[in-house]
PDB file of N, CA and C in Angstrom:
ATOM      1  N   MET A   1      16.969   6.658 -21.887  1.00  0.00           N
ATOM      2  CA  MET A   1      16.192   7.285 -20.842  1.00  0.00           C
ATOM      3  C   MET A   1      17.074   7.466 -19.602  1.00  0.00           C
ATOM      4  N   LYS A   2      17.143   8.695 -19.108  1.00  0.00           N
ATOM      5  CA  LYS A   2      17.932   8.999 -17.912  1.00  0.00           C
ATOM      6  C   LYS A   2      17.135   8.617 -16.670  1.00  0.00           C
ATOM      7  N   LEU A   3      17.787   7.887 -15.785  1.00  0.00           N
ATOM      8  CA  LEU A   3      17.153   7.522 -14.523  1.00  0.00           C
ATOM      9  C   LEU A   3      17.125   8.742 -13.613  1.00  0.00           C
ATOM     10  N   ASN A   4      16.005   8.931 -12.903  1.00  0.00           N
ATOM     11  CA  ASN A   4      15.827  10.110 -12.066  1.00  0.00           C
ATOM     12  C   ASN A   4      15.695   9.710 -10.599  1.00  0.00           C
ATOM     13  N   PRO A   5      16.771   9.824  -9.827  1.00  0.00           N
ATOM     14  CA  PRO A   5      16.706   9.431  -8.423  1.00  0.00           C
ATOM     15  C   PRO A   5      15.852  10.352  -7.562  1.00  0.00           C
ATOM     16  N   SER A   6      15.398  11.485  -8.102  1.00  0.00           N
ATOM     17  CA  SER A   6      14.537  12.353  -7.302  1.00  0.00           C
ATOM     18  C   SER A   6      13.141  11.755  -7.137  1.00  0.00           C
ATOM     19  N   LYS A   7      12.779  10.841  -7.996  1.00  0.00           N
ATOM     20  CA  LYS A   7      11.481  10.159  -7.885  1.00  0.00           C
ATOM     21  C   LYS A   7      11.584   8.908  -7.015  1.00  0.00           C
ATOM     22  N   ARG A   8      12.665   8.170  -7.198  1.00  0.00           N
ATOM     23  CA  ARG A   8      12.941   6.960  -6.395  1.00  0.00           C
ATOM     24  C   ARG A   8      14.429   6.933  -6.105  1.00  0.00           C
ATOM     25  N   TRP A   9      14.772   7.060  -4.825  1.00  0.00           N
ATOM     26  CA  TRP A   9      16.180   7.161  -4.432  1.00  0.00           C
ATOM     27  C   TRP A   9      16.996   5.963  -4.887  1.00  0.00           C
ATOM     28  N   ASP A  10      16.387   4.778  -4.940  1.00  0.00           N
ATOM     29  CA  ASP A  10      17.146   3.577  -5.280  1.00  0.00           C
ATOM     30  C   ASP A  10      17.607   3.554  -6.739  1.00  0.00           C
ATOM     31  N   LEU A  11      17.055   4.437  -7.562  1.00  0.00           N
ATOM     32  CA  LEU A  11      17.542   4.536  -8.939  1.00  0.00           C
ATOM     33  C   LEU A  11      18.977   5.053  -8.977  1.00  0.00           C
ATOM     34  N   LEU A  12      19.412   5.716  -7.912  1.00  0.00           N
ATOM     35  CA  LEU A  12      20.806   6.159  -7.830  1.00  0.00           C
ATOM     36  C   LEU A  12      21.751   4.970  -7.955  1.00  0.00           C
ATOM     37  N   LEU A  13      21.346   3.845  -7.411  1.00  0.00           N
ATOM     38  CA  LEU A  13      22.180   2.643  -7.443  1.00  0.00           C
ATOM     39  C   LEU A  13      22.312   2.057  -8.844  1.00  0.00           C
ATOM     40  N   ALA A  14      21.363   2.384  -9.718  1.00  0.00           N
ATOM     41  CA  ALA A  14      21.374   1.845 -11.075  1.00  0.00           C
ATOM     42  C   ALA A  14      22.149   2.720 -12.057  1.00  0.00           C
ATOM     43  N   ILE A  15      22.526   3.906 -11.628  1.00  0.00           N
ATOM     44  CA  ILE A  15      23.279   4.808 -12.503  1.00  0.00           C
ATOM     45  C   ILE A  15      24.754   4.427 -12.445  1.00  0.00           C
ATOM     46  N   LYS A  16      25.313   4.140 -13.600  1.00  0.00           N
ATOM     47  CA  LYS A  16      26.695   3.644 -13.661  1.00  0.00           C
ATOM     48  C   LYS A  16      27.699   4.643 -13.084  1.00  0.00           C
ATOM     49  N   SER A  17      27.585   5.891 -13.466  1.00  0.00           N
ATOM     50  CA  SER A  17      28.482   6.940 -12.961  1.00  0.00           C
ATOM     51  C   SER A  17      27.636   8.136 -12.521  1.00  0.00           C
ATOM     52  N   PRO A  18      27.072   8.077 -11.321  1.00  0.00           N
ATOM     53  CA  PRO A  18      26.193   9.171 -10.890  1.00  0.00           C
ATOM     54  C   PRO A  18      26.962  10.481 -10.705  1.00  0.00           C
ATOM     55  N   THR A  19      26.304  11.561 -11.037  1.00  0.00           N
ATOM     56  CA  THR A  19      26.882  12.889 -10.843  1.00  0.00           C
ATOM     57  C   THR A  19      26.588  13.360  -9.416  1.00  0.00           C
ATOM     58  N   ASP A  20      27.201  14.473  -9.045  1.00  0.00           N
ATOM     59  CA  ASP A  20      26.904  15.068  -7.743  1.00  0.00           C
ATOM     60  C   ASP A  20      25.429  15.458  -7.662  1.00  0.00           C
ATOM     61  N   LEU A  21      24.880  15.940  -8.765  1.00  0.00           N
ATOM     62  CA  LEU A  21      23.466  16.308  -8.794  1.00  0.00           C
ATOM     63  C   LEU A  21      22.570  15.077  -8.661  1.00  0.00           C
ATOM     64  N   ASP A  22      22.964  13.956  -9.257  1.00  0.00           N
ATOM     65  CA  ASP A  22      22.221  12.706  -9.070  1.00  0.00           C
ATOM     66  C   ASP A  22      22.195  12.328  -7.591  1.00  0.00           C
ATOM     67  N   CYS A  23      23.331  12.490  -6.927  1.00  0.00           N
ATOM     68  CA  CYS A  23      23.409  12.165  -5.493  1.00  0.00           C
ATOM     69  C   CYS A  23      22.473  13.058  -4.695  1.00  0.00           C
ATOM     70  N   LEU A  24      22.447  14.351  -5.002  1.00  0.00           N
ATOM     71  CA  LEU A  24      21.527  15.250  -4.314  1.00  0.00           C
ATOM     72  C   LEU A  24      20.083  14.876  -4.611  1.00  0.00           C
ATOM     73  N   SER A  25      19.787  14.549  -5.849  1.00  0.00           N
ATOM     74  CA  SER A  25      18.422  14.201  -6.241  1.00  0.00           C
ATOM     75  C   SER A  25      17.874  13.019  -5.455  1.00  0.00           C
ATOM     76  N   ALA A  26      18.730  12.116  -5.072  1.00  0.00           N
ATOM     77  CA  ALA A  26      18.289  10.944  -4.314  1.00  0.00           C
ATOM     78  C   ALA A  26      17.768  11.311  -2.927  1.00  0.00           C
ATOM     79  N   PHE A  27      18.068  12.524  -2.461  1.00  0.00           N
ATOM     80  CA  PHE A  27      17.570  13.006  -1.167  1.00  0.00           C
ATOM     81  C   PHE A  27      16.251  13.770  -1.301  1.00  0.00           C
ATOM     82  N   ALA A  28      15.610  13.736  -2.455  1.00  0.00           N
ATOM     83  CA  ALA A  28      14.400  14.518  -2.702  1.00  0.00           C
ATOM     84  C   ALA A  28      13.132  13.897  -2.123  1.00  0.00           C
ATOM     85  N   THR A  29      13.233  12.713  -1.572  1.00  0.00           N
ATOM     86  CA  THR A  29      12.087  12.100  -0.890  1.00  0.00           C
ATOM     87  C   THR A  29      12.505  11.751   0.532  1.00  0.00           C
ATOM     88  N   ALA A  30      11.520  11.691   1.417  1.00  0.00           N
ATOM     89  CA  ALA A  30      11.820  11.318   2.808  1.00  0.00           C
ATOM     90  C   ALA A  30      12.438   9.927   2.871  1.00  0.00           C
ATOM     91  N   GLU A  31      11.994   9.036   2.005  1.00  0.00           N
ATOM     92  CA  GLU A  31      12.551   7.682   1.971  1.00  0.00           C
ATOM     93  C   GLU A  31      14.022   7.717   1.576  1.00  0.00           C
ATOM     94  N   GLY A  32      14.351   8.570   0.612  1.00  0.00           N
ATOM     95  CA  GLY A  32      15.739   8.715   0.197  1.00  0.00           C
ATOM     96  C   GLY A  32      16.610   9.280   1.305  1.00  0.00           C
ATOM     97  N   VAL A  33      16.078  10.254   2.026  1.00  0.00           N
ATOM     98  CA  VAL A  33      16.824  10.836   3.148  1.00  0.00           C
ATOM     99  C   VAL A  33      17.098   9.770   4.197  1.00  0.00           C
ATOM    100  N   ASP A  34      16.057   9.027   4.569  1.00  0.00           N
ATOM    101  CA  ASP A  34      16.233   7.981   5.586  1.00  0.00           C
ATOM    102  C   ASP A  34      17.218   6.906   5.134  1.00  0.00           C
ATOM    103  N   ALA A  35      17.157   6.546   3.861  1.00  0.00           N
ATOM    104  CA  ALA A  35      18.012   5.468   3.356  1.00  0.00           C
ATOM    105  C   ALA A  35      19.468   5.896   3.179  1.00  0.00           C
ATOM    106  N   LEU A  36      19.700   7.157   2.837  1.00  0.00           N
ATOM    107  CA  LEU A  36      21.041   7.577   2.420  1.00  0.00           C
ATOM    108  C   LEU A  36      21.788   8.446   3.423  1.00  0.00           C
ATOM    109  N   ARG A  37      21.134   8.913   4.464  1.00  0.00           N
ATOM    110  CA  ARG A  37      21.812   9.832   5.398  1.00  0.00           C
ATOM    111  C   ARG A  37      23.014   9.190   6.067  1.00  0.00           C
ATOM    112  N   GLY A  38      23.065   7.882   6.126  1.00  0.00           N
ATOM    113  CA  GLY A  38      24.180   7.180   6.754  1.00  0.00           C
ATOM    114  C   GLY A  38      25.338   6.858   5.822  1.00  0.00           C
ATOM    115  N   TYR A  39      25.279   7.347   4.594  1.00  0.00           N
ATOM    116  CA  TYR A  39      26.340   7.085   3.616  1.00  0.00           C
ATOM    117  C   TYR A  39      27.113   8.376   3.347  1.00  0.00           C
ATOM    118  N   PRO A  40      28.205   8.593   4.089  1.00  0.00           N
ATOM    119  CA  PRO A  40      28.925   9.866   3.975  1.00  0.00           C
ATOM    120  C   PRO A  40      29.443  10.168   2.570  1.00  0.00           C
ATOM    121  N   ASN A  41      29.773   9.150   1.805  1.00  0.00           N
ATOM    122  CA  ASN A  41      30.272   9.405   0.447  1.00  0.00           C
ATOM    123  C   ASN A  41      29.192  10.040  -0.431  1.00  0.00           C
ATOM    124  N   ILE A  42      27.954   9.620  -0.267  1.00  0.00           N
ATOM    125  CA  ILE A  42      26.852  10.197  -1.044  1.00  0.00           C
ATOM    126  C   ILE A  42      26.523  11.589  -0.518  1.00  0.00           C
ATOM    127  N   VAL A  43      26.529  11.749   0.798  1.00  0.00           N
ATOM    128  CA  VAL A  43      26.253  13.061   1.399  1.00  0.00           C
ATOM    129  C   VAL A  43      27.287  14.087   0.935  1.00  0.00           C
ATOM    130  N   VAL A  44      28.559  13.708   0.935  1.00  0.00           N
ATOM    131  CA  VAL A  44      29.621  14.630   0.513  1.00  0.00           C
ATOM    132  C   VAL A  44      29.413  15.068  -0.931  1.00  0.00           C
ATOM    133  N   ARG A  45      29.069  14.145  -1.783  1.00  0.00           N
ATOM    134  CA  ARG A  45      28.850  14.504  -3.196  1.00  0.00           C
ATOM    135  C   ARG A  45      27.631  15.401  -3.347  1.00  0.00           C
ATOM    136  N   ALA A  46      26.551  15.085  -2.625  1.00  0.00           N
ATOM    137  CA  ALA A  46      25.340  15.903  -2.694  1.00  0.00           C
ATOM    138  C   ALA A  46      25.586  17.306  -2.150  1.00  0.00           C
ATOM    139  N   THR A  47      26.455  17.408  -1.159  1.00  0.00           N
ATOM    140  CA  THR A  47      26.762  18.693  -0.529  1.00  0.00           C
ATOM    141  C   THR A  47      27.403  19.672  -1.509  1.00  0.00           C
ATOM    142  N   LYS A  48      28.010  19.178  -2.560  1.00  0.00           N
ATOM    143  CA  LYS A  48      28.610  20.060  -3.561  1.00  0.00           C
ATOM    144  C   LYS A  48      27.555  20.931  -4.241  1.00  0.00           C
ATOM    145  N   ASN A  49      26.296  20.481  -4.213  1.00  0.00           N
ATOM    146  CA  ASN A  49      25.201  21.244  -4.800  1.00  0.00           C
ATOM    147  C   ASN A  49      24.294  21.880  -3.754  1.00  0.00           C
ATOM    148  N   PHE A  50      24.420  21.473  -2.498  1.00  0.00           N
ATOM    149  CA  PHE A  50      23.564  21.992  -1.424  1.00  0.00           C
ATOM    150  C   PHE A  50      24.373  21.961  -0.132  1.00  0.00           C
ATOM    151  N   ALA A  51      25.091  23.052   0.114  1.00  0.00           N
ATOM    152  CA  ALA A  51      26.060  23.098   1.216  1.00  0.00           C
ATOM    153  C   ALA A  51      25.441  22.862   2.592  1.00  0.00           C
ATOM    154  N   GLN A  52      24.183  23.191   2.781  1.00  0.00           N
ATOM    155  CA  GLN A  52      23.531  23.045   4.083  1.00  0.00           C
ATOM    156  C   GLN A  52      23.029  21.628   4.349  1.00  0.00           C
ATOM    157  N   LEU A  53      23.173  20.730   3.404  1.00  0.00           N
ATOM    158  CA  LEU A  53      22.616  19.384   3.559  1.00  0.00           C
ATOM    159  C   LEU A  53      23.085  18.669   4.826  1.00  0.00           C
ATOM    160  N   PRO A  54      24.367  18.615   5.141  1.00  0.00           N
ATOM    161  CA  PRO A  54      24.774  17.897   6.361  1.00  0.00           C
ATOM    162  C   PRO A  54      24.141  18.470   7.632  1.00  0.00           C
ATOM    163  N   GLU A  55      24.038  19.788   7.697  1.00  0.00           N
ATOM    164  CA  GLU A  55      23.416  20.433   8.854  1.00  0.00           C
ATOM    165  C   GLU A  55      21.940  20.049   8.959  1.00  0.00           C
ATOM    166  N   LEU A  56      21.241  20.058   7.837  1.00  0.00           N
ATOM    167  CA  LEU A  56      19.827  19.672   7.841  1.00  0.00           C
ATOM    168  C   LEU A  56      19.657  18.210   8.236  1.00  0.00           C
ATOM    169  N   LEU A  57      20.515  17.347   7.706  1.00  0.00           N
ATOM    170  CA  LEU A  57      20.432  15.923   8.037  1.00  0.00           C
ATOM    171  C   LEU A  57      20.622  15.684   9.532  1.00  0.00           C
ATOM    172  N   ALA A  58      21.466  16.480  10.161  1.00  0.00           N
ATOM    173  CA  ALA A  58      21.758  16.305  11.583  1.00  0.00           C
ATOM    174  C   ALA A  58      20.653  16.847  12.483  1.00  0.00           C
ATOM    175  N   GLN A  59      19.859  17.788  11.983  1.00  0.00           N
ATOM    176  CA  GLN A  59      18.936  18.494  12.864  1.00  0.00           C
ATOM    177  C   GLN A  59      17.456  18.303  12.577  1.00  0.00           C
ATOM    178  N   PHE A  60      17.097  17.883  11.383  1.00  0.00           N
ATOM    179  CA  PHE A  60      15.694  17.928  11.004  1.00  0.00           C
ATOM    180  C   PHE A  60      15.162  16.577  10.526  1.00  0.00           C
ATOM    181  N   PRO A  61      13.836  16.417  10.585  1.00  0.00           N
ATOM    182  CA  PRO A  61      13.222  15.175  10.096  1.00  0.00           C
ATOM    183  C   PRO A  61      13.368  15.028   8.583  1.00  0.00           C
ATOM    184  N   ALA A  62      13.228  13.814   8.136  1.00  0.00           N
ATOM    185  CA  ALA A  62      13.457  13.474   6.727  1.00  0.00           C
ATOM    186  C   ALA A  62      12.602  14.292   5.769  1.00  0.00           C
ATOM    187  N   GLU A  63      11.335  14.493   6.068  1.00  0.00           N
ATOM    188  CA  GLU A  63      10.463  15.220   5.142  1.00  0.00           C
ATOM    189  C   GLU A  63      10.909  16.678   4.990  1.00  0.00           C
ATOM    190  N   PHE A  64      11.382  17.278   6.066  1.00  0.00           N
ATOM    191  CA  PHE A  64      11.883  18.649   6.007  1.00  0.00           C
ATOM    192  C   PHE A  64      13.125  18.725   5.114  1.00  0.00           C
ATOM    193  N   VAL A  65      14.037  17.790   5.288  1.00  0.00           N
ATOM    194  CA  VAL A  65      15.259  17.749   4.469  1.00  0.00           C
ATOM    195  C   VAL A  65      14.894  17.550   2.998  1.00  0.00           C
ATOM    196  N   ALA A  66      13.999  16.605   2.733  1.00  0.00           N
ATOM    197  CA  ALA A  66      13.587  16.330   1.354  1.00  0.00           C
ATOM    198  C   ALA A  66      12.963  17.564   0.713  1.00  0.00           C
ATOM    199  N   ASN A  67      12.176  18.306   1.476  1.00  0.00           N
ATOM    200  CA  ASN A  67      11.569  19.526   0.955  1.00  0.00           C
ATOM    201  C   ASN A  67      12.645  20.546   0.580  1.00  0.00           C
ATOM    202  N   GLY A  68      13.656  20.684   1.412  1.00  0.00           N
ATOM    203  CA  GLY A  68      14.763  21.585   1.097  1.00  0.00           C
ATOM    204  C   GLY A  68      15.495  21.170  -0.168  1.00  0.00           C
ATOM    205  N   VAL A  69      15.711  19.880  -0.320  1.00  0.00           N
ATOM    206  CA  VAL A  69      16.377  19.370  -1.525  1.00  0.00           C
ATOM    207  C   VAL A  69      15.524  19.647  -2.760  1.00  0.00           C
ATOM    208  N   ARG A  70      14.226  19.402  -2.667  1.00  0.00           N
ATOM    209  CA  ARG A  70      13.344  19.677  -3.810  1.00  0.00           C
ATOM    210  C   ARG A  70      13.375  21.159  -4.173  1.00  0.00           C
ATOM    211  N   ASN A  71      13.435  22.029  -3.166  1.00  0.00           N
ATOM    212  CA  ASN A  71      13.537  23.468  -3.443  1.00  0.00           C
ATOM    213  C   ASN A  71      14.817  23.790  -4.201  1.00  0.00           C
ATOM    214  N   ILE A  72      15.921  23.231  -3.766  1.00  0.00           N
ATOM    215  CA  ILE A  72      17.203  23.457  -4.453  1.00  0.00           C
ATOM    216  C   ILE A  72      17.126  22.953  -5.889  1.00  0.00           C
ATOM    217  N   LEU A  73      16.587  21.764  -6.077  1.00  0.00           N
ATOM    218  CA  LEU A  73      16.503  21.179  -7.418  1.00  0.00           C
ATOM    219  C   LEU A  73      15.611  21.993  -8.351  1.00  0.00           C
ATOM    220  N   SER A  74      14.603  22.667  -7.783  1.00  0.00           N
ATOM    221  CA  SER A  74      13.704  23.460  -8.621  1.00  0.00           C
ATOM    222  C   SER A  74      14.156  24.911  -8.764  1.00  0.00           C
ATOM    223  N   GLY A  75      15.300  25.250  -8.153  1.00  0.00           N
ATOM    224  CA  GLY A  75      15.866  26.575  -8.336  1.00  0.00           C
ATOM    225  C   GLY A  75      15.404  27.631  -7.352  1.00  0.00           C
ATOM    226  N   VAL A  76      14.734  27.244  -6.279  1.00  0.00           N
ATOM    227  CA  VAL A  76      14.285  28.206  -5.274  1.00  0.00           C
ATOM    228  C   VAL A  76      15.498  28.774  -4.545  1.00  0.00           C
ATOM    229  N   ASP A  77      15.499  30.083  -4.335  1.00  0.00           N
ATOM    230  CA  ASP A  77      16.591  30.738  -3.607  1.00  0.00           C
ATOM    231  C   ASP A  77      16.402  30.480  -2.119  1.00  0.00           C
ATOM    232  N   THR A  78      17.254  29.668  -1.553  1.00  0.00           N
ATOM    233  CA  THR A  78      17.149  29.330  -0.130  1.00  0.00           C
ATOM    234  C   THR A  78      18.096  30.161   0.720  1.00  0.00           C
ATOM    235  N   SER A  79      18.746  31.141   0.130  1.00  0.00           N
ATOM    236  CA  SER A  79      19.709  31.944   0.884  1.00  0.00           C
ATOM    237  C   SER A  79      19.042  33.042   1.698  1.00  0.00           C
ATOM    238  N   THR A  80      17.794  33.351   1.401  1.00  0.00           N
ATOM    239  CA  THR A  80      17.111  34.397   2.153  1.00  0.00           C
ATOM    240  C   THR A  80      16.563  33.830   3.446  1.00  0.00           C
ATOM    241  N   THR A  81      16.461  34.681   4.428  1.00  0.00           N
ATOM    242  CA  THR A  81      15.907  34.266   5.713  1.00  0.00           C
ATOM    243  C   THR A  81      14.619  35.013   5.972  1.00  0.00           C
ATOM    244  N   CYS A  82      13.802  34.452   6.804  1.00  0.00           N
ATOM    245  CA  CYS A  82      12.533  35.054   7.168  1.00  0.00           C
ATOM    246  C   CYS A  82      12.647  35.543   8.608  1.00  0.00           C
ATOM    247  N   HIS A  83      12.354  36.810   8.819  1.00  0.00           N
ATOM    248  CA  HIS A  83      12.425  37.376  10.156  1.00  0.00           C
ATOM    249  C   HIS A  83      11.028  37.468  10.750  1.00  0.00           C
ATOM    250  N   GLU A  84      10.957  37.414  12.064  1.00  0.00           N
ATOM    251  CA  GLU A  84       9.674  37.430  12.758  1.00  0.00           C
ATOM    252  C   GLU A  84       8.832  38.636  12.357  1.00  0.00           C
ATOM    253  N   GLU A  85       9.453  39.807  12.215  1.00  0.00           N
ATOM    254  CA  GLU A  85       8.686  41.004  11.867  1.00  0.00           C
ATOM    255  C   GLU A  85       8.094  40.903  10.456  1.00  0.00           C
ATOM    256  N   ASP A  86       8.685  40.078   9.603  1.00  0.00           N
ATOM    257  CA  ASP A  86       8.169  39.905   8.246  1.00  0.00           C
ATOM    258  C   ASP A  86       6.873  39.117   8.214  1.00  0.00           C
ATOM    259  N   ILE A  87       6.639  38.301   9.220  1.00  0.00           N
ATOM    260  CA  ILE A  87       5.452  37.444   9.214  1.00  0.00           C
ATOM    261  C   ILE A  87       4.519  37.716  10.390  1.00  0.00           C
ATOM    262  N   SER A  88       4.808  38.738  11.194  1.00  0.00           N
ATOM    263  CA  SER A  88       4.013  38.986  12.396  1.00  0.00           C
ATOM    264  C   SER A  88       2.552  39.253  12.080  1.00  0.00           C
ATOM    265  N   ASP A  89       2.260  39.893  10.942  1.00  0.00           N
ATOM    266  CA  ASP A  89       0.870  40.184  10.595  1.00  0.00           C
ATOM    267  C   ASP A  89       0.087  38.930  10.219  1.00  0.00           C
ATOM    268  N   LEU A  90       0.757  37.840   9.945  1.00  0.00           N
ATOM    269  CA  LEU A  90       0.064  36.592   9.618  1.00  0.00           C
ATOM    270  C   LEU A  90      -0.630  35.979  10.827  1.00  0.00           C
ATOM    271  N   PHE A  91      -0.149  36.317  12.011  1.00  0.00           N
ATOM    272  CA  PHE A  91      -0.667  35.695  13.222  1.00  0.00           C
ATOM    273  C   PHE A  91      -1.555  36.630  14.038  1.00  0.00           C
ATOM    274  N   GLY A  92      -1.965  37.732  13.452  1.00  0.00           N
ATOM    275  CA  GLY A  92      -2.914  38.636  14.093  1.00  0.00           C
ATOM    276  C   GLY A  92      -2.346  39.545  15.031  1.00  0.00           C
TER     277      GLY A  92
END
């Protein structure tokens, strides 16, 4: 059975040879973000799969970062941007 750090970040510690994707998966919960943001070696490895991770860690709350990581892990295209004119009709 493969341990999945995206469910519990501390499972990353139980993986004998974690992959870069395992390192990123450990940031999939707010608890994982809070626990691991201070470990540059893990952040660097996770960044190989999500280049914006260090910027998000520096600027945003843990739940926001975790949501971004979950999007990356599920294959959501995060390269597109949303412009104000695209959503202006939502606000009346």
